[in-house]
């Protein structure tokens, strides 16, 4: 019998909660509620998925832009529009940190 993604994720979260409760029972202090940890994990997974979708969209637009001649009377406006869209998407390189 195979497990779907939700089954093993649920087990992972349940195991995390059990571990945190076990640590509490041994007197170790935990500063974060287990549900907060789960929420952070889920938020990070959603952010990663959104970043992957945006990257695929960016790559597709770049391919279309490369096929369009900017000087062509028909495809020139499309080329400019794609450049405008790509300028609003996040770049591949991270922004410099303050003080750099």
Protein backbone atom coordinates (compact mmCIF):
# COMPACT_ATOMS: atom_id res chain seq x y z
CA UNK A 1 0.00 0.00 0.00
CA UNK A 2 1.43 3.36 -0.96
CA UNK A 3 0.95 6.57 0.91
CA UNK A 4 0.03 9.75 -0.81
CA UNK A 5 1.84 12.98 0.03
CA UNK A 6 -0.72 14.08 2.57
CA UNK A 7 -0.41 10.85 4.59
CA UNK A 8 3.33 11.06 5.13
CA UNK A 9 3.19 14.81 5.72
CA UNK A 10 0.56 14.28 8.40
CA UNK A 11 2.73 11.58 9.98
CA UNK A 12 5.73 13.91 9.86
CA UNK A 13 3.80 16.62 11.70
CA UNK A 14 2.42 14.14 14.23
CA UNK A 15 5.94 12.83 14.88
CA UNK A 16 7.19 16.38 15.34
CA UNK A 17 4.48 17.08 17.90
CA UNK A 18 5.24 13.81 19.72
CA UNK A 19 8.94 14.68 19.87
CA UNK A 20 8.20 18.13 21.26
CA UNK A 21 5.87 16.68 23.89
CA UNK A 22 8.50 14.08 24.82
CA UNK A 23 11.12 16.82 25.22
CA UNK A 24 8.73 18.70 27.50
CA UNK A 25 8.19 15.57 29.60
CA UNK A 26 11.97 15.26 30.13
CA UNK A 27 12.09 18.83 31.38
CA UNK A 28 13.61 20.40 28.30
CA UNK A 29 12.10 23.76 27.54
CA UNK A 30 10.70 24.52 24.14
CA UNK A 31 10.18 28.14 23.25
CA UNK A 32 7.95 27.49 20.26
CA UNK A 33 4.58 25.79 20.16
CA UNK A 34 4.60 22.72 17.84
CA UNK A 35 1.68 24.16 15.86
CA UNK A 36 3.81 27.25 15.16
CA UNK A 37 6.59 25.02 13.81
CA UNK A 38 4.10 23.25 11.55
CA UNK A 39 2.74 26.59 10.36
CA UNK A 40 6.26 27.76 9.48
CA UNK A 41 6.97 24.54 7.56
CA UNK A 42 3.73 24.89 5.59
CA UNK A 43 4.39 28.57 4.87
CA UNK A 44 7.88 27.77 3.59
CA UNK A 45 6.49 25.02 1.35
CA UNK A 46 3.92 27.42 -0.14
CA UNK A 47 6.61 30.06 -0.72
CA UNK A 48 8.86 27.53 -2.45
CA UNK A 49 5.98 26.41 -4.71
CA UNK A 50 5.15 30.02 -5.61
CA UNK A 51 8.80 30.73 -6.39
CA UNK A 52 8.97 27.66 -8.63
CA UNK A 53 5.84 28.75 -10.52
CA UNK A 54 7.21 32.25 -10.98
CA UNK A 55 10.54 30.89 -12.24
CA UNK A 56 8.77 28.71 -14.83
CA UNK A 57 6.67 31.69 -15.94
CA UNK A 58 9.78 33.83 -16.25
CA UNK A 59 11.57 31.18 -18.34
CA UNK A 60 8.56 30.83 -20.66
CA UNK A 61 8.33 34.59 -21.17
CA UNK A 62 12.05 34.81 -21.88
CA UNK A 63 11.73 32.13 -24.56
CA UNK A 64 8.84 33.99 -26.20
CA UNK A 65 10.73 37.28 -25.99
CA UNK A 66 13.81 35.73 -27.59
CA UNK A 67 11.68 34.57 -30.53
CA UNK A 68 10.21 38.06 -31.05
CA UNK A 69 12.15 40.60 -33.07
CA UNK A 70 11.96 43.98 -31.28
CA UNK A 71 12.16 45.79 -34.63
CA UNK A 72 9.30 43.85 -36.23
CA UNK A 73 6.14 45.90 -36.76
CA UNK A 74 3.93 43.04 -35.51
CA UNK A 75 6.02 41.48 -32.73
CA UNK A 76 7.80 44.65 -31.57
CA UNK A 77 5.01 45.70 -29.17
CA UNK A 78 4.85 42.15 -27.78
CA UNK A 79 8.60 42.25 -27.15
CA UNK A 80 8.21 45.53 -25.23
CA UNK A 81 5.26 44.19 -23.23
CA UNK A 82 7.18 41.05 -22.24
CA UNK A 83 10.14 43.17 -21.14
CA UNK A 84 7.78 45.21 -18.96
CA UNK A 85 6.35 42.04 -17.39
CA UNK A 86 9.78 40.53 -16.80
CA UNK A 87 10.95 43.71 -15.10
CA UNK A 88 8.28 43.21 -12.42
CA UNK A 89 9.31 39.63 -11.60
CA UNK A 90 11.92 38.92 -8.99
CA UNK A 91 15.47 38.61 -10.33
CA UNK A 92 17.45 35.38 -10.03
CA UNK A 93 20.11 37.06 -7.91
CA UNK A 94 19.32 38.23 -4.38
CA UNK A 95 19.25 41.90 -3.59
CA UNK A 96 22.33 43.31 -1.85
CA UNK A 97 22.08 43.59 1.91
CA UNK A 98 22.26 46.89 3.70
CA UNK A 99 25.79 48.17 4.06
CA UNK A 100 27.15 46.36 0.99
